Structures are given as C-alpha cells and as structure tokens.
Protein backbone atom coordinates (compact mmCIF):
# COMPACT_ATOMS: atom_id res chain seq x y z
CA MET A 1 320.51 44.02 74.25
CA SER A 2 320.87 43.23 78.16
CA ASN A 3 318.41 44.46 80.64
CA GLN A 4 319.47 47.69 82.52
CA LYS A 5 318.53 48.51 86.34
CA PRO A 6 317.20 52.17 85.88
CA SER A 7 318.41 54.31 88.86
CA LEU A 8 319.57 57.90 89.92
CA PRO A 9 322.45 59.69 91.05
CA LYS A 10 323.22 59.69 94.62
CA GLY A 11 321.61 63.04 96.25
CA THR A 12 319.20 63.63 93.44
CA ARG A 13 315.52 62.74 93.53
CA ASP A 14 312.33 62.22 90.94
CA PHE A 15 309.12 64.06 91.76
CA GLY A 16 305.57 62.72 91.06
CA PRO A 17 302.53 64.50 90.30
CA ILE A 18 301.68 64.67 94.10
CA GLN A 19 304.91 65.64 95.23
CA MET A 20 304.88 68.54 92.35
CA ALA A 21 301.82 69.65 93.80
CA ARG A 22 302.94 70.32 97.03
CA ARG A 23 306.27 71.86 95.80
CA ASN A 24 304.24 74.18 93.32
CA TYR A 25 302.18 75.25 96.19
CA ILE A 26 305.53 76.44 97.92
CA PHE A 27 307.06 78.48 95.06
CA ASP A 28 303.77 80.03 94.50
CA THR A 29 303.66 80.83 98.16
CA ILE A 30 307.26 82.46 98.27
CA LYS A 31 306.77 83.68 94.50
CA LYS A 32 304.03 85.81 96.18
CA THR A 33 305.59 87.33 98.72
CA PHE A 34 308.63 88.08 97.09
CA LYS A 35 306.68 90.12 94.39
CA LEU A 36 304.68 91.59 97.35
CA PHE A 37 308.01 93.16 98.64
CA GLY A 38 309.27 94.79 94.94
CA TYR A 39 311.03 91.72 93.79
CA GLU A 40 311.35 91.09 90.38
CA GLN A 41 312.11 87.42 88.43
CA ILE A 42 315.56 87.42 86.71
CA GLU A 43 317.02 83.45 85.42
CA THR A 44 321.01 82.58 85.09
CA PRO A 45 322.35 79.91 82.99
CA ALA A 46 322.68 76.67 85.03
CA MET A 47 326.44 76.45 84.44
CA GLU A 48 329.15 79.32 85.01
CA ASN A 49 332.59 79.75 84.04
CA LEU A 50 334.98 78.27 86.96
CA SER A 51 336.47 81.44 87.02
CA VAL A 52 333.68 82.84 88.11
CA LEU A 53 332.75 80.82 90.61
CA THR A 54 335.80 79.73 92.47
CA GLY A 55 337.33 81.53 95.44
CA LYS A 56 333.67 83.10 96.32
CA TYR A 57 332.81 80.65 98.85
CA GLY A 58 335.68 80.01 101.25
CA ASP A 59 338.21 76.82 100.83
CA GLU A 60 335.39 74.11 101.78
CA GLY A 61 333.12 75.77 99.33
CA ASP A 62 335.15 75.37 96.34
CA GLN A 63 335.44 71.79 97.39
CA LEU A 64 331.83 71.21 96.75
CA LEU A 65 331.72 72.63 93.26
CA PHE A 66 330.86 69.99 90.31
CA LYS A 67 332.86 70.96 87.64
CA ILE A 68 332.05 70.09 83.53
CA LEU A 69 334.40 68.48 81.83
CA ASN A 70 335.64 69.99 78.51
CA SER A 71 333.95 67.64 75.17
CA GLY A 72 335.47 66.71 72.02
CA ASP A 73 339.26 67.42 71.24
CA PHE A 74 339.89 69.03 74.84
CA MET A 75 339.70 65.13 76.73
CA SER A 76 342.88 63.81 73.98
CA LYS A 77 345.05 65.96 76.14
CA ALA A 78 344.36 64.24 79.47
CA ASP A 79 344.37 60.93 81.02
CA SER A 80 342.89 59.38 83.79
CA SER A 81 345.83 60.68 86.07
CA ASP A 82 344.93 64.22 85.06
CA LEU A 83 341.62 64.43 85.99
CA ASN A 84 342.72 65.60 89.87
CA SER A 85 345.39 67.72 88.64
CA ASN A 86 345.33 71.25 89.16
CA THR A 87 347.84 72.21 86.65
CA LEU A 88 345.70 70.83 83.98
CA LEU A 89 342.21 71.93 85.39
CA PRO A 90 341.98 75.32 83.18
CA GLN A 91 342.33 72.70 80.10
CA ILE A 92 339.77 70.03 81.06
CA ALA A 93 337.31 71.82 82.79
CA GLU A 94 336.05 75.54 82.32
CA LYS A 95 332.50 75.44 83.52
CA GLY A 96 331.03 74.29 86.70
CA LEU A 97 327.57 73.91 87.87
CA ARG A 98 326.49 77.18 90.12
CA TYR A 99 326.47 76.09 93.70
CA ASP A 100 324.34 79.39 94.61
CA LEU A 101 322.53 81.99 93.18
CA THR A 102 324.41 84.90 94.97
CA VAL A 103 327.81 85.07 92.95
CA PRO A 104 325.78 84.38 89.68
CA PHE A 105 323.44 86.80 90.35
CA ALA A 106 326.79 89.38 91.39
CA ARG A 107 328.13 88.50 87.96
CA TYR A 108 324.43 89.33 86.26
CA VAL A 109 324.41 92.75 88.04
CA VAL A 110 328.16 93.68 87.09
CA MET A 111 326.94 92.70 82.88
CA ASN A 112 324.06 94.33 83.12
CA ARG A 113 325.02 97.37 84.90
CA HIS A 114 323.84 99.86 82.66
CA GLU A 115 320.21 98.62 82.27
CA ILE A 116 319.60 98.05 86.19
CA ASN A 117 317.72 100.57 88.01
CA PHE A 118 319.71 100.95 91.55
CA PRO A 119 319.03 99.75 94.28
CA PHE A 120 317.74 96.32 92.43
CA LYS A 121 315.42 94.00 93.96
CA ARG A 122 315.62 90.90 92.02
CA PHE A 123 314.20 87.09 93.37
CA GLN A 124 315.67 83.75 91.57
CA ILE A 125 313.84 80.23 92.01
CA GLN A 126 316.39 77.51 90.42
CA PRO A 127 317.85 74.16 90.81
CA VAL A 128 321.50 74.66 92.66
CA TRP A 129 324.32 71.76 92.77
CA ARG A 130 326.71 70.82 95.25
CA ALA A 131 329.22 67.73 95.88
CA ASP A 132 328.20 67.15 99.04
CA ARG A 133 327.84 63.40 100.81
CA PRO A 134 323.96 62.62 100.37
CA GLN A 135 321.80 62.13 104.06
CA LYS A 136 318.75 63.57 105.10
CA GLY A 137 317.81 67.11 104.19
CA ARG A 138 321.02 67.84 102.42
CA TYR A 139 321.09 67.06 98.44
CA ARG A 140 323.46 67.60 95.53
CA GLU A 141 320.66 68.80 93.71
CA PHE A 142 318.25 71.22 95.03
CA TYR A 143 316.00 74.27 94.78
CA GLN A 144 316.90 77.85 96.15
CA CYS A 145 314.54 80.42 95.93
CA ASP A 146 316.65 83.54 96.72
CA ALA A 147 315.50 87.41 97.10
CA ASP A 148 318.21 90.06 96.95
CA VAL A 149 318.59 93.71 96.63
CA VAL A 150 321.62 95.81 95.80
CA GLY A 151 322.71 99.08 95.23
CA THR A 152 321.84 100.13 99.01
CA ASP A 153 323.39 99.78 102.32
CA SER A 154 320.46 100.84 104.00
CA LEU A 155 319.45 98.00 106.96
CA LEU A 156 315.32 98.24 106.19
CA CYS A 157 316.48 95.42 103.76
CA GLU A 158 317.73 93.15 106.47
CA ALA A 159 314.09 94.13 108.47
CA GLU A 160 312.27 93.05 105.13
CA ILE A 161 314.54 90.09 105.11
CA VAL A 162 312.60 89.21 108.78
CA LEU A 163 309.47 90.37 107.66
CA MET A 164 308.95 88.27 104.10
CA ILE A 165 310.30 84.91 106.47
CA ASN A 166 307.68 85.56 109.08
CA ARG A 167 304.93 86.02 106.06
CA VAL A 168 306.08 83.02 104.09
CA PHE A 169 305.93 80.86 106.95
CA ALA A 170 302.64 82.09 108.61
CA ASP A 171 301.10 80.93 104.71
CA LEU A 172 302.55 77.43 104.82
CA MET A 173 301.12 77.37 108.52
CA ILE A 174 304.84 76.53 110.36
CA THR A 175 304.33 78.28 113.27
CA ASP A 176 307.30 77.20 115.51
CA TYR A 177 310.50 78.27 114.32
CA SER A 178 313.58 80.84 115.07
CA ILE A 179 315.43 83.33 112.74
CA LYS A 180 318.76 83.55 114.10
CA ILE A 181 320.50 86.49 113.22
CA ASN A 182 324.29 87.86 113.63
CA ASN A 183 326.44 90.62 111.99
CA ARG A 184 329.85 89.26 110.82
CA LYS A 185 331.48 92.75 111.95
CA ILE A 186 330.71 91.41 115.50
CA LEU A 187 333.10 88.04 114.35
CA SER A 188 335.51 90.32 113.13
CA GLY A 189 335.75 91.95 116.62
CA ILE A 190 336.12 88.85 118.31
CA ALA A 191 338.67 87.64 116.23
CA GLU A 192 340.10 91.19 117.41
CA THR A 193 339.50 90.90 120.87
CA ILE A 194 341.18 87.46 121.04
CA GLY A 195 344.19 88.48 119.58
CA ALA A 196 343.87 87.24 116.06
CA PRO A 197 342.67 90.07 113.56
CA GLY A 198 342.11 89.65 110.48
CA GLN A 199 341.28 85.56 111.06
CA GLU A 200 337.62 86.35 111.49
CA GLY A 201 337.27 83.57 108.00
CA PRO A 202 339.09 80.44 109.31
CA LEU A 203 337.31 81.86 112.62
CA CYS A 204 333.94 81.38 111.21
CA VAL A 205 334.39 78.52 109.60
CA ALA A 206 334.86 76.70 112.73
CA ILE A 207 332.32 78.34 114.93
CA ASP A 208 329.54 77.51 111.91
CA LYS A 209 330.16 74.00 112.99
CA LEU A 210 329.42 74.68 116.69
CA ASP A 211 326.29 73.29 116.92
CA LYS A 212 327.07 69.77 115.10
CA ILE A 213 330.39 69.15 116.84
CA GLY A 214 330.45 71.46 119.83
CA GLN A 215 332.33 73.84 121.80
CA GLU A 216 335.39 71.13 122.73
CA LYS A 217 335.44 70.24 119.00
CA VAL A 218 335.49 73.78 117.67
CA ASN A 219 338.22 74.80 119.95
CA GLU A 220 340.28 72.08 118.78
CA GLU A 221 340.04 72.83 115.05
CA LEU A 222 340.93 76.60 115.60
CA ILE A 223 344.16 75.11 117.53
CA GLN A 224 344.18 73.10 114.02
CA ARG A 225 343.83 76.37 111.47
CA GLY A 226 346.91 78.30 113.89
CA PHE A 227 344.90 79.77 116.57
CA SER A 228 346.44 80.27 120.05
CA THR A 229 345.73 78.23 123.36
CA SER A 230 345.31 82.09 124.51
CA SER A 231 343.25 83.36 121.93
CA VAL A 232 340.74 79.94 122.13
CA GLU A 233 340.57 80.63 125.97
CA LYS A 234 339.66 84.22 125.68
CA LEU A 235 336.58 83.08 123.44
CA ALA A 236 335.45 80.84 126.15
CA PRO A 237 332.72 84.06 127.14
CA ILE A 238 330.92 83.90 124.03
CA TYR A 239 330.05 80.14 124.40
CA ASP A 240 328.74 81.44 128.05
CA LEU A 241 326.48 84.04 126.77
CA LYS A 242 323.10 83.68 127.84
CA GLY A 243 319.90 85.88 128.52
CA ASP A 244 317.69 88.26 126.43
CA LYS A 245 318.45 90.28 123.16
CA GLU A 246 319.35 93.04 125.43
CA THR A 247 321.46 91.26 127.92
CA VAL A 248 323.23 89.47 125.14
CA ILE A 249 324.01 92.82 123.68
CA ASN A 250 325.12 94.56 126.45
CA SER A 251 327.58 91.92 127.66
CA LEU A 252 328.89 91.85 124.30
CA LYS A 253 329.52 95.83 124.62
CA THR A 254 331.81 95.31 127.49
CA TYR A 255 333.30 92.28 125.50
CA LEU A 256 334.13 94.23 122.57
CA GLN A 257 334.53 97.45 123.81
CA ASP A 258 337.86 97.97 122.05
CA SER A 259 337.15 96.24 119.09
CA GLU A 260 335.20 99.32 116.81
CA ILE A 261 334.36 97.37 114.29
CA GLY A 262 332.38 94.54 116.38
CA LEU A 263 330.58 97.79 118.38
CA LYS A 264 329.85 98.69 114.79
CA GLY A 265 328.14 95.24 114.15
CA LEU A 266 326.28 95.54 117.38
CA GLU A 267 324.91 98.83 116.49
CA GLU A 268 324.00 97.66 113.05
CA LEU A 269 322.00 94.88 114.91
CA GLU A 270 320.14 96.82 117.51
CA GLU A 271 319.28 99.06 114.19
CA VAL A 272 317.54 96.19 112.81
CA PHE A 273 315.80 94.90 115.50
CA GLN A 274 314.38 98.45 115.84
CA LEU A 275 313.02 98.80 112.40
CA VAL A 276 311.52 95.33 112.69
CA LYS A 277 309.84 96.47 115.94
CA ASP A 278 308.63 99.97 114.05
CA PHE A 279 307.15 97.58 111.46
CA GLY A 280 304.66 96.32 114.24
CA LEU A 281 305.88 92.50 113.82
CA SER A 282 306.30 90.24 117.03
CA GLU A 283 309.91 89.67 118.09
CA ASP A 284 308.57 85.59 119.48
CA HIS A 285 310.20 84.14 116.30
CA ILE A 286 313.76 86.47 116.33
CA ALA A 287 316.97 85.43 118.53
CA PHE A 288 320.26 87.09 118.26
CA GLU A 289 322.42 84.36 118.21
CA PRO A 290 326.30 85.65 119.10
CA THR A 291 327.99 82.08 117.97
CA LEU A 292 326.43 82.08 114.13
CA ALA A 293 328.80 82.10 111.28
CA ARG A 294 327.60 81.09 107.86
CA GLY A 295 330.50 79.67 106.57
CA LEU A 296 330.66 81.48 103.00
CA SER A 297 332.94 83.89 103.09
CA TYR A 298 331.14 86.67 101.10
CA TYR A 299 329.59 87.84 104.16
CA THR A 300 330.25 91.33 105.64
CA GLY A 301 326.98 92.31 107.73
CA ALA A 302 323.85 90.62 108.85
CA ILE A 303 323.93 87.05 108.51
CA PHE A 304 320.80 85.28 109.33
CA GLU A 305 319.82 81.58 109.76
CA VAL A 306 316.30 80.08 110.20
CA LYS A 307 315.51 76.41 111.51
CA VAL A 308 312.04 74.82 112.75
CA ALA A 309 311.29 73.43 115.89
CA HIS A 310 310.43 69.48 116.46
CA VAL A 311 311.91 68.31 113.53
CA SER A 312 314.88 66.48 112.50
CA ILE A 313 315.84 68.78 109.19
CA GLY A 314 318.44 71.33 109.42
CA SER A 315 318.16 75.02 108.40
CA VAL A 316 315.70 75.99 106.08
CA SER A 317 316.59 79.32 105.02
CA GLY A 318 319.50 81.67 105.67
CA GLY A 319 321.71 84.55 104.14
CA GLY A 320 323.26 87.94 104.96
CA ARG A 321 324.80 91.32 103.61
CA TYR A 322 327.51 91.02 101.69
CA ASP A 323 329.22 94.66 101.02
CA ASN A 324 331.58 93.84 97.79
CA LEU A 325 330.91 90.99 96.21
CA THR A 326 330.52 92.63 92.58
CA GLY A 327 334.06 93.94 93.40
CA VAL A 328 335.31 90.56 92.06
CA PHE A 329 333.93 91.08 88.87
CA GLY A 330 335.59 94.56 88.72
CA MET A 331 332.24 96.80 89.78
CA GLU A 332 333.29 98.13 93.20
CA GLY A 333 331.32 99.33 96.19
CA VAL A 334 327.82 97.88 95.49
CA SER A 335 326.25 96.83 98.53
CA GLY A 336 323.69 93.88 98.72
CA VAL A 337 322.11 91.79 101.15
CA GLY A 338 319.87 88.63 100.63
CA PHE A 339 318.58 85.52 101.67
CA SER A 340 317.43 81.82 100.33
CA PHE A 341 314.63 79.76 101.14
CA GLY A 342 315.93 76.12 100.76
CA VAL A 343 312.41 74.41 99.15
CA ASP A 344 313.69 70.90 99.16
CA ARG A 345 314.19 71.29 103.16
CA ILE A 346 310.81 73.43 103.68
CA TYR A 347 309.05 70.47 101.98
CA ASP A 348 310.62 67.77 104.16
CA VAL A 349 309.70 69.88 107.19
CA MET A 350 306.33 70.32 105.93
CA ASP A 351 305.94 66.47 105.55
CA GLU A 352 307.26 65.67 108.81
CA LEU A 353 304.66 68.00 110.39
CA ALA A 354 302.28 66.83 108.26
CA LEU A 355 301.29 70.55 107.04
CA PHE A 356 300.02 69.06 103.41
CA GLN A 357 297.41 67.76 104.90
CA ASN A 358 295.84 71.04 105.40
CA ILE A 359 296.35 72.35 102.18
CA GLN A 360 293.59 71.97 99.16
CA LEU A 361 296.18 71.37 96.00
CA GLU A 362 294.80 72.15 92.92
CA GLY A 363 293.90 69.30 90.17
CA THR A 364 291.44 68.36 88.04
CA GLN A 365 288.18 69.63 89.21
CA VAL A 366 285.69 67.54 87.06
CA LEU A 367 285.77 64.11 85.71
CA ILE A 368 283.45 63.57 83.05
CA THR A 369 282.64 59.70 82.46
CA THR A 370 280.39 57.97 79.70
CA PHE A 371 278.69 54.66 78.50
CA ASP A 372 279.00 54.63 75.05
CA GLU A 373 279.46 55.98 71.80
CA PRO A 374 276.81 58.94 72.02
CA SER A 375 277.27 60.13 75.46
CA TYR A 376 281.20 60.17 74.67
CA ARG A 377 280.65 62.64 71.89
CA TYR A 378 278.30 64.42 73.84
CA GLY A 379 280.99 64.63 76.85
CA LEU A 380 283.43 66.08 74.28
CA GLN A 381 281.34 68.94 74.16
CA VAL A 382 281.09 69.19 77.69
CA LEU A 383 284.54 68.89 78.09
CA ALA A 384 284.97 72.17 75.90
CA THR A 385 282.58 74.12 77.22
CA LEU A 386 283.94 73.30 81.03
CA ARG A 387 287.53 74.37 79.96
CA GLY A 388 286.44 77.65 78.36
CA ALA A 389 285.00 78.58 81.52
CA GLY A 390 288.46 78.13 83.12
CA ILE A 391 287.27 75.03 85.07
CA ALA A 392 290.01 72.08 84.82
CA ALA A 393 288.30 69.08 83.28
CA GLU A 394 288.99 65.44 81.65
CA LEU A 395 286.76 63.18 79.94
CA PHE A 396 288.02 59.59 80.88
CA PRO A 397 289.46 58.68 77.49
CA GLU A 398 288.30 55.36 76.60
CA ALA A 399 284.57 55.30 75.33
CA GLY A 400 282.35 52.74 77.02
CA ALA A 401 284.62 51.51 79.09
CA LYS A 402 283.18 50.34 82.46
CA MET A 403 282.18 52.75 84.97
CA LYS A 404 283.85 51.25 88.10
CA LYS A 405 287.27 51.71 85.77
CA GLN A 406 286.19 54.99 85.38
CA MET A 407 285.34 55.75 89.05
CA ASN A 408 288.50 54.14 90.43
CA TYR A 409 290.61 56.55 88.09
CA GLY A 410 288.89 59.58 89.53
CA ASP A 411 289.56 58.29 93.06
CA LYS A 412 293.10 58.02 92.45
CA LYS A 413 293.81 61.29 91.45
CA GLN A 414 291.18 62.71 94.18
CA ILE A 415 288.88 64.46 91.48
CA PRO A 416 286.14 66.00 93.63
CA PHE A 417 283.48 66.34 90.80
CA VAL A 418 282.16 63.76 88.00
CA CYS A 419 279.82 64.27 85.59
CA ILE A 420 278.03 61.21 84.57
CA ILE A 421 276.71 60.21 80.70
CA GLY A 422 273.85 58.00 79.55
CA SER A 423 271.45 58.17 77.09
CA GLU A 424 268.96 59.92 79.37
CA GLU A 425 271.55 63.11 79.90
CA VAL A 426 272.37 62.54 75.93
CA ALA A 427 268.72 63.22 75.39
CA GLN A 428 268.06 66.09 77.95
CA GLN A 429 271.52 67.60 77.32
CA LYS A 430 272.12 67.71 81.02
CA LEU A 431 274.77 66.04 83.06
CA THR A 432 274.21 63.94 86.45
CA PHE A 433 276.63 66.01 88.46
CA LYS A 434 277.80 63.81 91.79
CA ASN A 435 279.71 65.20 94.53
CA MET A 436 282.37 62.59 95.37
CA SER A 437 283.23 63.66 98.49
CA THR A 438 279.10 63.72 99.88
CA GLY A 439 278.07 61.16 97.06
CA GLU A 440 275.13 64.19 96.77
CA GLN A 441 273.74 63.67 92.80
CA GLN A 442 271.90 66.12 90.74
CA LEU A 443 270.78 66.94 87.04
CA LEU A 444 272.00 69.60 85.57
CA THR A 445 273.31 71.87 82.83
CA PRO A 446 276.54 72.27 81.88
CA THR A 447 275.80 76.20 82.47
CA GLU A 448 274.60 75.52 86.15
CA ILE A 449 277.70 73.51 86.10
CA ILE A 450 279.80 76.25 85.88
CA ARG A 451 277.94 78.98 88.10
CA MET A 452 278.28 76.48 90.92
CA LEU A 453 282.34 75.92 90.12
CA THR A 454 283.43 79.41 89.08
C-alpha cells in the first residue's frame, strides 16, 4: 500500500486542545448569555431536504449550498455530465448540508407548532456549511450561535439582541466594536423613492457589497440588474448621509416622505433605539447604517451587523427580523427575529487582539508524579480522592519514569500544581505539593490540598 499524504478539504480546519479550550470558552460565554435572557436550546440535523433550503437565501445563497448526492442505485441513473443538470438534480441529490440555522429553525417551528409555547425563544449552537471561496475569516465549515424569538412582533426582541451582543462582548473583553442597525422597510422605501418599487431584493444584494466594492461598482451592478440610470442617480443622497443618528433619521424622513413603508421602517428603528436607551445601555457601540442591507432575502424588518475595530476580520455577528419565514412551510403570519454569533470569526478576532492571554482556561489542575511502584500505588489512591472532590487531576501513567520527563509533561500542559510522591511521602501518607508558577513547595495531606483548591 502506497503512503498517502494526509490533507483537509479547503475551508475546513482541525482544532487542537488549546484551540478547543478557547473555543469552548467562547461557546460557554455565549450560551450563558442566551440562557440569562430566557432562550432554550434545540438542535436540528446537519442535513435537510433540499426543498427546505432552496429559495430562502436568494440566488447567490442558493449557489453556495452543499448538495448531497443520493447513494446506491440512484447514481446509476446519471453520468458525469448530469451532475450539473438542474433537470436531474432531484433524482441525484435530494438533500443538502444546512446553510444557516434560521431556515431549519423555521422548519422545526412548523413541525412542532403544537408543542411550542409562543413566543418561543430558542438558541442553537451547531456547524453550518457553505460552498464559498475560502479566505481569511471565511470558511466552508463553521459554527453559528443563533438566538431567535418567533411568535411576537414586539420590538423589545430587537432591543434585547443589542443587549445580548453588548453583554457577550463585555464578557469576552472585546471593547471596540460597532453594532450597525438598519431596517429592510427603509430599503423598500428607498426602492420606491428612486422609482423601482418592489425591487428592494436586487437593490439589497448590490448595496450589501458597498463596503467591499465601493459606490461606483455598486452603481454599475445596479445598472446590470436592470435599474435605470435615473434610479441610480436618485440613490446618490443615500450615500452622502452624514451626522449622528438623529440627523440621519431626520434627513431620511424628508427623503422618504412619500413612502409609507419607508417611514414605517424609520419609526420602528427609532423605537428600538428608545428601548435600548430605556434599558440604560450606552449607545457608544450602536450605529444607524442606512446602507446596511444583509443579503439574505427573508429579512423584512430590523437588520443587524457587528464589526470589531482594528482587526482584519469582517462582520462577527448579524441578523434581523423575518415576518413570514414559516409561511413557506404552510404556517402563515408567524413573525420572528434573531441573530447569530460567528464563533470562528470571534475566535480569530480574539486571537488577533491577543485577548486569550488574559483568560485562564480550565484544564488539569494537579499532576501526580511518582518515583517507583509503591509511590505509584499510593498515587492512584490520591488521584481517586482528588477527582472525588471535583478536582481535575492526572497521574503520570508510567510508574518510575524519570522525574524530568514527568515535569516536562506538566509544563507542556500548563498544569499549575504538581504532587510529588516518594518513599517519605508514602510513609507519612502525605504529598509534596508544588506551585509551578511560584516554585513554592509544602508537605500536605490530600485533605489539605483539597481544602486549598476548592
């Protein structure tokens, strides 16, 4: 058998013990906040029927779906030229890996509507997959941490999203960030105002790229998408909006004065800002961004995007309100709002800002080292006693191994305390307890060590 060089699919990664400890720290911080705000955890399958996924993310989103080929006799119906054929697709691929957690959640709500207590607040922490071009901060497999509320139109839910983002970032010690907020109704109003009513979908897809490609390229794309030159020209004041939130909102009230839906979006936005203020939260991290679009086609109200300053990573969180996502599954009129933390991007941000250096990650607290077989046997008893008290402990597995080897093992794992057992310790039924950061040593009983560490 020839040797095979091991490799990973592009856009995927392995995570070692240190990376996993850091990731779990992020997961636990987010989960703690979700629970504090009354959200309950669910999970859905990694794969969904393609009929569930397609048509929910817009044309560009649908192109990024990973489709799963049917196995067995199904493939006998197709040859290689058929794999790209839309007509045979239902025969050779009926399922796909989930693109996000929101659409599967809508499917879950409809299928479990009789068991759910509305308003239903759920959170979900699972991987998603996108057939995207891998690059820094963008992966084909990555985790999302979603929190959504369905069954209520209350704008309190939008305000609490802002509160949760602030709380999580404070706990993660991320201090310089911006929560950008807009409303899709405002974008619909803009479409009406420029003479392209009902075209907010393609307008949003183009405007969503403003930060990446600039105003000129966005205008070119709008022309390509069928917008008239006069419509694109009427969009110019939107790019030039400047000032604080109140100034921008007042300017838009004038610009959108003939658009009922646009003015409704501004009204909702002002209410969210007022609720956040009523909570006593500082508005230092909140920004109104009238060109924020969020590319997903199911958003109908408030939309959010969060970016951290002074890093090379893009947005780390986003979301919005969707008024009828369950409607495509036969359950009309159920409004929902939610957002998602991108854990992989938050990890990269914290790594780039060197924030993990300030975090004490949990691991083994005590390493038990021995000199010979009798001390090894006594070490087994001590190990059971420490673990019974809830202290994470290890006994170096090789009896009589050189002490340098055992201590090197502890250093590499960054274990803070070492119990050294020799013949004298066995005779006294005690242990030499060493603090590895200070070098201080004491002769203690297992009970005294437990008292010190708990």
